[in-house]
Amino acid sequence: MMEPGLYHILFISAALFFIGMYGFFTRRNLITMLMSIELILNSVNLNFIAFNKYLWPHKLDGVFFSIFVIAIAAAEAAVAIAIIINLYRSHQSIDVETAEELKY
């Protein structure tokens, strides 16, 4: 079986990135927007691993960056879910238009 090349992995990563961007800009639900941001971060992780494997195969810099991004994404998801739960308790909705009231 043939191993996927760098261009194949970058194509998958670009597809994940643009699916995440599309989901972030078209959805009104805060949970789906958070999932879209996670897709974007996963595409970045895929890029780190792919470039690490094909450009510097004997170093682990891309792996360490990916682990760091995963830790930041976990903290970001925990804070975002806490904010979304608070918003739902106060407004009985997690719609983006409802969250606009929090600006003023």
PDB file of N, CA and C in Angstrom:
ATOM      1  N   MET A   1       0.842  -1.179   0.000  1.00  0.00           N
ATOM      2  CA  MET A   1       0.000   0.000   0.000  1.00  0.00           C
ATOM      3  C   MET A   1       0.884   1.238   0.000  1.00  0.00           C
ATOM      4  N   MET A   2       0.490   2.212  -0.765  1.00  0.00           N
ATOM      5  CA  MET A   2       1.296   3.418  -0.914  1.00  0.00           C
ATOM      6  C   MET A   2       1.019   4.407   0.220  1.00  0.00           C
ATOM      7  N   GLU A   3       2.069   4.994   0.719  1.00  0.00           N
ATOM      8  CA  GLU A   3       1.942   5.970   1.806  1.00  0.00           C
ATOM      9  C   GLU A   3       1.536   7.327   1.228  1.00  0.00           C
ATOM     10  N   PRO A   4       0.617   8.032   1.884  1.00  0.00           N
ATOM     11  CA  PRO A   4       0.204   9.339   1.349  1.00  0.00           C
ATOM     12  C   PRO A   4       1.356  10.337   1.407  1.00  0.00           C
ATOM     13  N   GLY A   5       1.473  11.125   0.354  1.00  0.00           N
ATOM     14  CA  GLY A   5       2.530  12.118   0.275  1.00  0.00           C
ATOM     15  C   GLY A   5       2.147  13.410   0.979  1.00  0.00           C
ATOM     16  N   LEU A   6       3.052  14.344   0.936  1.00  0.00           N
ATOM     17  CA  LEU A   6       2.841  15.628   1.601  1.00  0.00           C
ATOM     18  C   LEU A   6       1.659  16.369   0.990  1.00  0.00           C
ATOM     19  N   TYR A   7       1.537  16.309  -0.340  1.00  0.00           N
ATOM     20  CA  TYR A   7       0.447  17.030  -0.996  1.00  0.00           C
ATOM     21  C   TYR A   7      -0.919  16.462  -0.619  1.00  0.00           C
ATOM     22  N   HIS A   8      -1.005  15.172  -0.421  1.00  0.00           N
ATOM     23  CA  HIS A   8      -2.270  14.564  -0.012  1.00  0.00           C
ATOM     24  C   HIS A   8      -2.667  15.049   1.385  1.00  0.00           C
ATOM     25  N   ILE A   9      -1.702  15.064   2.278  1.00  0.00           N
ATOM     26  CA  ILE A   9      -1.982  15.493   3.653  1.00  0.00           C
ATOM     27  C   ILE A   9      -2.338  16.975   3.688  1.00  0.00           C
ATOM     28  N   LEU A  10      -1.625  17.782   2.894  1.00  0.00           N
ATOM     29  CA  LEU A  10      -1.934  19.219   2.841  1.00  0.00           C
ATOM     30  C   LEU A  10      -3.299  19.473   2.222  1.00  0.00           C
ATOM     31  N   PHE A  11      -3.710  18.639   1.278  1.00  0.00           N
ATOM     32  CA  PHE A  11      -5.046  18.778   0.700  1.00  0.00           C
ATOM     33  C   PHE A  11      -6.122  18.487   1.744  1.00  0.00           C
ATOM     34  N   ILE A  12      -5.925  17.434   2.514  1.00  0.00           N
ATOM     35  CA  ILE A  12      -6.879  17.105   3.583  1.00  0.00           C
ATOM     36  C   ILE A  12      -6.901  18.220   4.627  1.00  0.00           C
ATOM     37  N   SER A  13      -5.744  18.747   4.968  1.00  0.00           N
ATOM     38  CA  SER A  13      -5.664  19.816   5.944  1.00  0.00           C
ATOM     39  C   SER A  13      -6.371  21.077   5.443  1.00  0.00           C
ATOM     40  N   ALA A  14      -6.167  21.418   4.166  1.00  0.00           N
ATOM     41  CA  ALA A  14      -6.842  22.591   3.600  1.00  0.00           C
ATOM     42  C   ALA A  14      -8.355  22.372   3.567  1.00  0.00           C
ATOM     43  N   ALA A  15      -8.779  21.154   3.253  1.00  0.00           N
ATOM     44  CA  ALA A  15     -10.215  20.865   3.248  1.00  0.00           C
ATOM     45  C   ALA A  15     -10.805  21.025   4.648  1.00  0.00           C
ATOM     46  N   LEU A  16     -10.121  20.504   5.662  1.00  0.00           N
ATOM     47  CA  LEU A  16     -10.591  20.674   7.041  1.00  0.00           C
ATOM     48  C   LEU A  16     -10.651  22.145   7.422  1.00  0.00           C
ATOM     49  N   PHE A  17      -9.624  22.900   7.028  1.00  0.00           N
ATOM     50  CA  PHE A  17      -9.583  24.325   7.368  1.00  0.00           C
ATOM     51  C   PHE A  17     -10.767  25.072   6.751  1.00  0.00           C
ATOM     52  N   PHE A  18     -11.026  24.830   5.470  1.00  0.00           N
ATOM     53  CA  PHE A  18     -12.110  25.560   4.811  1.00  0.00           C
ATOM     54  C   PHE A  18     -13.491  25.071   5.241  1.00  0.00           C
ATOM     55  N   ILE A  19     -13.623  23.817   5.597  1.00  0.00           N
ATOM     56  CA  ILE A  19     -14.889  23.348   6.171  1.00  0.00           C
ATOM     57  C   ILE A  19     -15.132  24.037   7.513  1.00  0.00           C
ATOM     58  N   GLY A  20     -14.066  24.174   8.308  1.00  0.00           N
ATOM     59  CA  GLY A  20     -14.186  24.887   9.580  1.00  0.00           C
ATOM     60  C   GLY A  20     -14.527  26.352   9.390  1.00  0.00           C
ATOM     61  N   MET A  21     -13.899  27.001   8.413  1.00  0.00           N
ATOM     62  CA  MET A  21     -14.216  28.411   8.142  1.00  0.00           C
ATOM     63  C   MET A  21     -15.667  28.566   7.677  1.00  0.00           C
ATOM     64  N   TYR A  22     -16.102  27.678   6.797  1.00  0.00           N
ATOM     65  CA  TYR A  22     -17.485  27.728   6.324  1.00  0.00           C
ATOM     66  C   TYR A  22     -18.462  27.537   7.486  1.00  0.00           C
ATOM     67  N   GLY A  23     -18.180  26.567   8.333  1.00  0.00           N
ATOM     68  CA  GLY A  23     -19.056  26.331   9.479  1.00  0.00           C
ATOM     69  C   GLY A  23     -19.067  27.498  10.449  1.00  0.00           C
ATOM     70  N   PHE A  24     -17.929  28.132  10.626  1.00  0.00           N
ATOM     71  CA  PHE A  24     -17.865  29.260  11.557  1.00  0.00           C
ATOM     72  C   PHE A  24     -18.640  30.460  11.032  1.00  0.00           C
ATOM     73  N   PHE A  25     -18.555  30.725   9.739  1.00  0.00           N
ATOM     74  CA  PHE A  25     -19.204  31.917   9.184  1.00  0.00           C
ATOM     75  C   PHE A  25     -20.667  31.717   8.838  1.00  0.00           C
ATOM     76  N   THR A  26     -21.135  30.485   8.713  1.00  0.00           N
ATOM     77  CA  THR A  26     -22.527  30.278   8.304  1.00  0.00           C
ATOM     78  C   THR A  26     -23.450  29.846   9.433  1.00  0.00           C
ATOM     79  N   ARG A  27     -22.933  29.360  10.521  1.00  0.00           N
ATOM     80  CA  ARG A  27     -23.790  28.852  11.597  1.00  0.00           C
ATOM     81  C   ARG A  27     -24.119  29.962  12.595  1.00  0.00           C
ATOM     82  N   ARG A  28     -25.257  29.813  13.242  1.00  0.00           N
ATOM     83  CA  ARG A  28     -25.692  30.763  14.261  1.00  0.00           C
ATOM     84  C   ARG A  28     -25.599  30.177  15.672  1.00  0.00           C
ATOM     85  N   ASN A  29     -25.432  28.883  15.758  1.00  0.00           N
ATOM     86  CA  ASN A  29     -25.373  28.201  17.047  1.00  0.00           C
ATOM     87  C   ASN A  29     -23.938  28.253  17.575  1.00  0.00           C
ATOM     88  N   LEU A  30     -23.767  28.643  18.819  1.00  0.00           N
ATOM     89  CA  LEU A  30     -22.425  28.785  19.380  1.00  0.00           C
ATOM     90  C   LEU A  30     -21.694  27.446  19.493  1.00  0.00           C
ATOM     91  N   ILE A  31     -22.418  26.360  19.717  1.00  0.00           N
ATOM     92  CA  ILE A  31     -21.776  25.047  19.816  1.00  0.00           C
ATOM     93  C   ILE A  31     -21.189  24.639  18.468  1.00  0.00           C
ATOM     94  N   THR A  32     -21.932  24.834  17.383  1.00  0.00           N
ATOM     95  CA  THR A  32     -21.397  24.480  16.071  1.00  0.00           C
ATOM     96  C   THR A  32     -20.257  25.406  15.666  1.00  0.00           C
ATOM     97  N   MET A  33     -20.289  26.648  16.110  1.00  0.00           N
ATOM     98  CA  MET A  33     -19.170  27.552  15.844  1.00  0.00           C
ATOM     99  C   MET A  33     -17.924  27.082  16.598  1.00  0.00           C
ATOM    100  N   LEU A  34     -18.099  26.610  17.818  1.00  0.00           N
ATOM    101  CA  LEU A  34     -16.973  26.079  18.587  1.00  0.00           C
ATOM    102  C   LEU A  34     -16.407  24.825  17.919  1.00  0.00           C
ATOM    103  N   MET A  35     -17.282  23.960  17.411  1.00  0.00           N
ATOM    104  CA  MET A  35     -16.819  22.770  16.700  1.00  0.00           C
ATOM    105  C   MET A  35     -16.056  23.150  15.431  1.00  0.00           C
ATOM    106  N   SER A  36     -16.470  24.215  14.774  1.00  0.00           N
ATOM    107  CA  SER A  36     -15.766  24.676  13.580  1.00  0.00           C
ATOM    108  C   SER A  36     -14.376  25.189  13.919  1.00  0.00           C
ATOM    109  N   ILE A  37     -14.243  25.881  15.030  1.00  0.00           N
ATOM    110  CA  ILE A  37     -12.926  26.341  15.463  1.00  0.00           C
ATOM    111  C   ILE A  37     -12.029  25.153  15.779  1.00  0.00           C
ATOM    112  N   GLU A  38     -12.601  24.125  16.361  1.00  0.00           N
ATOM    113  CA  GLU A  38     -11.818  22.918  16.640  1.00  0.00           C
ATOM    114  C   GLU A  38     -11.360  22.240  15.346  1.00  0.00           C
ATOM    115  N   LEU A  39     -12.198  22.261  14.307  1.00  0.00           N
ATOM    116  CA  LEU A  39     -11.776  21.724  13.011  1.00  0.00           C
ATOM    117  C   LEU A  39     -10.591  22.508  12.450  1.00  0.00           C
ATOM    118  N   ILE A  40     -10.639  23.822  12.589  1.00  0.00           N
ATOM    119  CA  ILE A  40      -9.534  24.655  12.110  1.00  0.00           C
ATOM    120  C   ILE A  40      -8.258  24.327  12.876  1.00  0.00           C
ATOM    121  N   LEU A  41      -8.353  24.182  14.179  1.00  0.00           N
ATOM    122  CA  LEU A  41      -7.166  23.856  14.971  1.00  0.00           C
ATOM    123  C   LEU A  41      -6.629  22.462  14.626  1.00  0.00           C
ATOM    124  N   ASN A  42      -7.520  21.521  14.320  1.00  0.00           N
ATOM    125  CA  ASN A  42      -7.065  20.188  13.915  1.00  0.00           C
ATOM    126  C   ASN A  42      -6.356  20.225  12.562  1.00  0.00           C
ATOM    127  N   SER A  43      -6.791  21.102  11.669  1.00  0.00           N
ATOM    128  CA  SER A  43      -6.082  21.213  10.392  1.00  0.00           C
ATOM    129  C   SER A  43      -4.692  21.801  10.595  1.00  0.00           C
ATOM    130  N   VAL A  44      -4.560  22.713  11.539  1.00  0.00           N
ATOM    131  CA  VAL A  44      -3.231  23.256  11.862  1.00  0.00           C
ATOM    132  C   VAL A  44      -2.344  22.156  12.436  1.00  0.00           C
ATOM    133  N   ASN A  45      -2.880  21.327  13.304  1.00  0.00           N
ATOM    134  CA  ASN A  45      -2.113  20.205  13.854  1.00  0.00           C
ATOM    135  C   ASN A  45      -1.660  19.253  12.760  1.00  0.00           C
ATOM    136  N   LEU A  46      -2.537  19.002  11.819  1.00  0.00           N
ATOM    137  CA  LEU A  46      -2.178  18.121  10.711  1.00  0.00           C
ATOM    138  C   LEU A  46      -1.030  18.717   9.898  1.00  0.00           C
ATOM    139  N   ASN A  47      -1.051  20.026   9.693  1.00  0.00           N
ATOM    140  CA  ASN A  47       0.055  20.695   8.998  1.00  0.00           C
ATOM    141  C   ASN A  47       1.358  20.562   9.773  1.00  0.00           C
ATOM    142  N   PHE A  48       1.317  20.778  11.069  1.00  0.00           N
ATOM    143  CA  PHE A  48       2.528  20.652  11.884  1.00  0.00           C
ATOM    144  C   PHE A  48       3.136  19.258  11.758  1.00  0.00           C
ATOM    145  N   ILE A  49       2.302  18.244  11.867  1.00  0.00           N
ATOM    146  CA  ILE A  49       2.794  16.871  11.802  1.00  0.00           C
ATOM    147  C   ILE A  49       3.323  16.543  10.405  1.00  0.00           C
ATOM    148  N   ALA A  50       2.612  16.984   9.361  1.00  0.00           N
ATOM    149  CA  ALA A  50       3.033  16.680   7.993  1.00  0.00           C
ATOM    150  C   ALA A  50       4.366  17.342   7.667  1.00  0.00           C
ATOM    151  N   PHE A  51       4.506  18.610   7.998  1.00  0.00           N
ATOM    152  CA  PHE A  51       5.763  19.286   7.700  1.00  0.00           C
ATOM    153  C   PHE A  51       6.902  18.731   8.548  1.00  0.00           C
ATOM    154  N   ASN A  52       6.594  18.345   9.760  1.00  0.00           N
ATOM    155  CA  ASN A  52       7.628  17.738  10.590  1.00  0.00           C
ATOM    156  C   ASN A  52       8.096  16.418   9.984  1.00  0.00           C
ATOM    157  N   LYS A  53       7.157  15.618   9.502  1.00  0.00           N
ATOM    158  CA  LYS A  53       7.521  14.303   8.964  1.00  0.00           C
ATOM    159  C   LYS A  53       8.330  14.410   7.676  1.00  0.00           C
ATOM    160  N   TYR A  54       7.947  15.332   6.789  1.00  0.00           N
ATOM    161  CA  TYR A  54       8.576  15.380   5.479  1.00  0.00           C
ATOM    162  C   TYR A  54       9.769  16.334   5.395  1.00  0.00           C
ATOM    163  N   LEU A  55       9.848  17.352   6.232  1.00  0.00           N
ATOM    164  CA  LEU A  55      10.971  18.285   6.150  1.00  0.00           C
ATOM    165  C   LEU A  55      12.065  17.980   7.168  1.00  0.00           C
ATOM    166  N   TRP A  56      11.668  17.638   8.388  1.00  0.00           N
ATOM    167  CA  TRP A  56      12.629  17.333   9.448  1.00  0.00           C
ATOM    168  C   TRP A  56      12.231  16.013  10.107  1.00  0.00           C
ATOM    169  N   PRO A  57      12.493  14.888   9.458  1.00  0.00           N
ATOM    170  CA  PRO A  57      11.981  13.602   9.975  1.00  0.00           C
ATOM    171  C   PRO A  57      12.621  13.156  11.289  1.00  0.00           C
ATOM    172  N   HIS A  58      13.790  13.681  11.632  1.00  0.00           N
ATOM    173  CA  HIS A  58      14.452  13.224  12.852  1.00  0.00           C
ATOM    174  C   HIS A  58      14.269  14.180  14.022  1.00  0.00           C
ATOM    175  N   LYS A  59      13.434  15.207  13.852  1.00  0.00           N
ATOM    176  CA  LYS A  59      13.144  16.131  14.942  1.00  0.00           C
ATOM    177  C   LYS A  59      11.683  15.977  15.352  1.00  0.00           C
ATOM    178  N   LEU A  60      11.369  16.432  16.537  1.00  0.00           N
ATOM    179  CA  LEU A  60       9.993  16.319  17.043  1.00  0.00           C
ATOM    180  C   LEU A  60       9.348  17.685  17.282  1.00  0.00           C
ATOM    181  N   ASP A  61       9.836  18.717  16.599  1.00  0.00           N
ATOM    182  CA  ASP A  61       9.291  20.056  16.819  1.00  0.00           C
ATOM    183  C   ASP A  61       7.808  20.136  16.462  1.00  0.00           C
ATOM    184  N   GLY A  62       7.408  19.556  15.335  1.00  0.00           N
ATOM    185  CA  GLY A  62       6.007  19.583  14.929  1.00  0.00           C
ATOM    186  C   GLY A  62       5.107  18.852  15.903  1.00  0.00           C
ATOM    187  N   VAL A  63       5.608  17.772  16.472  1.00  0.00           N
ATOM    188  CA  VAL A  63       4.820  17.017  17.456  1.00  0.00           C
ATOM    189  C   VAL A  63       4.621  17.843  18.719  1.00  0.00           C
ATOM    190  N   PHE A  64       5.675  18.531  19.157  1.00  0.00           N
ATOM    191  CA  PHE A  64       5.550  19.358  20.360  1.00  0.00           C
ATOM    192  C   PHE A  64       4.599  20.533  20.132  1.00  0.00           C
ATOM    193  N   PHE A  65       4.671  21.140  18.945  1.00  0.00           N
ATOM    194  CA  PHE A  65       3.727  22.218  18.631  1.00  0.00           C
ATOM    195  C   PHE A  65       2.298  21.689  18.613  1.00  0.00           C
ATOM    196  N   SER A  66       2.103  20.496  18.071  1.00  0.00           N
ATOM    197  CA  SER A  66       0.759  19.915  18.023  1.00  0.00           C
ATOM    198  C   SER A  66       0.222  19.622  19.418  1.00  0.00           C
ATOM    199  N   ILE A  67       1.063  19.104  20.283  1.00  0.00           N
ATOM    200  CA  ILE A  67       0.634  18.849  21.662  1.00  0.00           C
ATOM    201  C   ILE A  67       0.279  20.156  22.362  1.00  0.00           C
ATOM    202  N   PHE A  68       1.047  21.195  22.099  1.00  0.00           N
ATOM    203  CA  PHE A  68       0.751  22.509  22.680  1.00  0.00           C
ATOM    204  C   PHE A  68      -0.584  23.039  22.161  1.00  0.00           C
ATOM    205  N   VAL A  69      -0.836  22.903  20.857  1.00  0.00           N
ATOM    206  CA  VAL A  69      -2.102  23.364  20.286  1.00  0.00           C
ATOM    207  C   VAL A  69      -3.271  22.566  20.847  1.00  0.00           C
ATOM    208  N   ILE A  70      -3.098  21.268  21.049  1.00  0.00           N
ATOM    209  CA  ILE A  70      -4.160  20.440  21.626  1.00  0.00           C
ATOM    210  C   ILE A  70      -4.472  20.886  23.054  1.00  0.00           C
ATOM    211  N   ALA A  71      -3.437  21.196  23.836  1.00  0.00           N
ATOM    212  CA  ALA A  71      -3.658  21.672  25.213  1.00  0.00           C
ATOM    213  C   ALA A  71      -4.378  23.017  25.220  1.00  0.00           C
ATOM    214  N   ILE A  72      -3.976  23.920  24.338  1.00  0.00           N
ATOM    215  CA  ILE A  72      -4.652  25.219  24.250  1.00  0.00           C
ATOM    216  C   ILE A  72      -6.097  25.050  23.789  1.00  0.00           C
ATOM    217  N   ALA A  73      -6.331  24.148  22.844  1.00  0.00           N
ATOM    218  CA  ALA A  73      -7.694  23.910  22.359  1.00  0.00           C
ATOM    219  C   ALA A  73      -8.581  23.325  23.443  1.00  0.00           C
ATOM    220  N   ALA A  74      -8.024  22.465  24.282  1.00  0.00           N
ATOM    221  CA  ALA A  74      -8.811  21.894  25.379  1.00  0.00           C
ATOM    222  C   ALA A  74      -9.199  22.980  26.384  1.00  0.00           C
ATOM    223  N   ALA A  75      -8.249  23.858  26.705  1.00  0.00           N
ATOM    224  CA  ALA A  75      -8.559  24.958  27.632  1.00  0.00           C
ATOM    225  C   ALA A  75      -9.563  25.914  27.007  1.00  0.00           C
ATOM    226  N   GLU A  76      -9.397  26.199  25.720  1.00  0.00           N
ATOM    227  CA  GLU A  76     -10.329  27.089  25.027  1.00  0.00           C
ATOM    228  C   GLU A  76     -11.729  26.488  24.989  1.00  0.00           C
ATOM    229  N   ALA A  77     -11.831  25.196  24.746  1.00  0.00           N
ATOM    230  CA  ALA A  77     -13.140  24.546  24.704  1.00  0.00           C
ATOM    231  C   ALA A  77     -13.808  24.562  26.076  1.00  0.00           C
ATOM    232  N   ALA A  78     -13.038  24.346  27.131  1.00  0.00           N
ATOM    233  CA  ALA A  78     -13.615  24.362  28.480  1.00  0.00           C
ATOM    234  C   ALA A  78     -14.154  25.747  28.830  1.00  0.00           C
ATOM    235  N   VAL A  79     -13.390  26.785  28.518  1.00  0.00           N
ATOM    236  CA  VAL A  79     -13.845  28.152  28.809  1.00  0.00           C
ATOM    237  C   VAL A  79     -15.048  28.509  27.942  1.00  0.00           C
ATOM    238  N   ALA A  80     -15.008  28.141  26.662  1.00  0.00           N
ATOM    239  CA  ALA A  80     -16.119  28.461  25.769  1.00  0.00           C
ATOM    240  C   ALA A  80     -17.400  27.744  26.182  1.00  0.00           C
ATOM    241  N   ILE A  81     -17.303  26.486  26.587  1.00  0.00           N
ATOM    242  CA  ILE A  81     -18.503  25.765  27.024  1.00  0.00           C
ATOM    243  C   ILE A  81     -19.056  26.370  28.307  1.00  0.00           C
ATOM    244  N   ALA A  82     -18.183  26.813  29.204  1.00  0.00           N
ATOM    245  CA  ALA A  82     -18.655  27.485  30.424  1.00  0.00           C
ATOM    246  C   ALA A  82     -19.398  28.776  30.080  1.00  0.00           C
ATOM    247  N   ILE A  83     -18.866  29.541  29.135  1.00  0.00           N
ATOM    248  CA  ILE A  83     -19.541  30.778  28.717  1.00  0.00           C
ATOM    249  C   ILE A  83     -20.870  30.465  28.044  1.00  0.00           C
ATOM    250  N   ILE A  84     -20.903  29.420  27.209  1.00  0.00           N
ATOM    251  CA  ILE A  84     -22.143  29.055  26.522  1.00  0.00           C
ATOM    252  C   ILE A  84     -23.193  28.584  27.519  1.00  0.00           C
ATOM    253  N   ILE A  85     -22.803  27.822  28.525  1.00  0.00           N
ATOM    254  CA  ILE A  85     -23.751  27.380  29.553  1.00  0.00           C
ATOM    255  C   ILE A  85     -24.296  28.576  30.329  1.00  0.00           C
ATOM    256  N   ASN A  86     -23.426  29.522  30.664  1.00  0.00           N
ATOM    257  CA  ASN A  86     -23.868  30.738  31.349  1.00  0.00           C
ATOM    258  C   ASN A  86     -24.836  31.539  30.483  1.00  0.00           C
ATOM    259  N   LEU A  87     -24.534  31.643  29.198  1.00  0.00           N
ATOM    260  CA  LEU A  87     -25.414  32.359  28.272  1.00  0.00           C
ATOM    261  C   LEU A  87     -26.761  31.662  28.164  1.00  0.00           C
ATOM    262  N   TYR A  88     -26.768  30.346  28.131  1.00  0.00           N
ATOM    263  CA  TYR A  88     -28.020  29.607  28.041  1.00  0.00           C
ATOM    264  C   TYR A  88     -28.858  29.785  29.308  1.00  0.00           C
ATOM    265  N   ARG A  89     -28.203  29.795  30.459  1.00  0.00           N
ATOM    266  CA  ARG A  89     -28.944  29.988  31.711  1.00  0.00           C
ATOM    267  C   ARG A  89     -29.584  31.364  31.799  1.00  0.00           C
ATOM    268  N   SER A  90     -28.902  32.375  31.257  1.00  0.00           N
ATOM    269  CA  SER A  90     -29.446  33.733  31.373  1.00  0.00           C
ATOM    270  C   SER A  90     -30.418  34.091  30.255  1.00  0.00           C
ATOM    271  N   HIS A  91     -30.217  33.564  29.033  1.00  0.00           N
ATOM    272  CA  HIS A  91     -31.051  33.958  27.899  1.00  0.00           C
ATOM    273  C   HIS A  91     -31.893  32.826  27.322  1.00  0.00           C
ATOM    274  N   GLN A  92     -31.748  31.612  27.817  1.00  0.00           N
ATOM    275  CA  GLN A  92     -32.478  30.432  27.341  1.00  0.00           C
ATOM    276  C   GLN A  92     -32.248  30.165  25.854  1.00  0.00           C
ATOM    277  N   SER A  93     -31.078  30.570  25.344  1.00  0.00           N
ATOM    278  CA  SER A  93     -30.735  30.339  23.952  1.00  0.00           C
ATOM    279  C   SER A  93     -29.219  30.413  23.798  1.00  0.00           C
ATOM    280  N   ILE A  94     -28.698  29.685  22.821  1.00  0.00           N
ATOM    281  CA  ILE A  94     -27.272  29.793  22.508  1.00  0.00           C
ATOM    282  C   ILE A  94     -27.084  30.325  21.091  1.00  0.00           C
ATOM    283  N   ASP A  95     -28.027  31.135  20.652  1.00  0.00           N
ATOM    284  CA  ASP A  95     -27.974  31.755  19.339  1.00  0.00           C
ATOM    285  C   ASP A  95     -27.025  32.952  19.378  1.00  0.00           C
ATOM    286  N   VAL A  96     -26.352  33.220  18.276  1.00  0.00           N
ATOM    287  CA  VAL A  96     -25.371  34.302  18.230  1.00  0.00           C
ATOM    288  C   VAL A  96     -26.048  35.663  18.386  1.00  0.00           C
ATOM    289  N   GLU A  97     -27.230  35.831  17.809  1.00  0.00           N
ATOM    290  CA  GLU A  97     -27.914  37.118  17.922  1.00  0.00           C
ATOM    291  C   GLU A  97     -28.287  37.430  19.377  1.00  0.00           C
ATOM    292  N   THR A  98     -28.562  36.400  20.159  1.00  0.00           N
ATOM    293  CA  THR A  98     -28.849  36.600  21.572  1.00  0.00           C
ATOM    294  C   THR A  98     -27.610  37.046  22.313  1.00  0.00           C
ATOM    295  N   ALA A  99     -26.461  36.552  21.912  1.00  0.00           N
ATOM    296  CA  ALA A  99     -25.213  36.914  22.567  1.00  0.00           C
ATOM    297  C   ALA A  99     -24.808  38.349  22.288  1.00  0.00           C
ATOM    298  N   GLU A 100     -25.361  38.970  21.255  1.00  0.00           N
ATOM    299  CA  GLU A 100     -25.033  40.367  20.941  1.00  0.00           C
ATOM    300  C   GLU A 100     -25.479  41.318  22.048  1.00  0.00           C
ATOM    301  N   GLU A 101     -26.450  40.918  22.854  1.00  0.00           N
ATOM    302  CA  GLU A 101     -26.901  41.757  23.959  1.00  0.00           C
ATOM    303  C   GLU A 101     -25.817  41.940  25.005  1.00  0.00           C
ATOM    304  N   LEU A 102     -24.849  41.032  25.056  1.00  0.00           N
ATOM    305  CA  LEU A 102     -23.804  41.099  26.065  1.00  0.00           C
ATOM    306  C   LEU A 102     -22.767  42.169  25.746  1.00  0.00           C
ATOM    307  N   LYS A 103     -22.801  42.753  24.549  1.00  0.00           N
ATOM    308  CA  LYS A 103     -21.825  43.773  24.191  1.00  0.00           C
ATOM    309  C   LYS A 103     -21.984  45.033  25.011  1.00  0.00           C
ATOM    310  N   TYR A 104     -23.213  45.439  25.263  1.00  0.00           N
ATOM    311  CA  TYR A 104     -23.470  46.755  25.874  1.00  0.00           C
ATOM    312  C   TYR A 104     -23.768  46.649  27.340  1.00  0.00           C
TER     313      TYR A 104
END
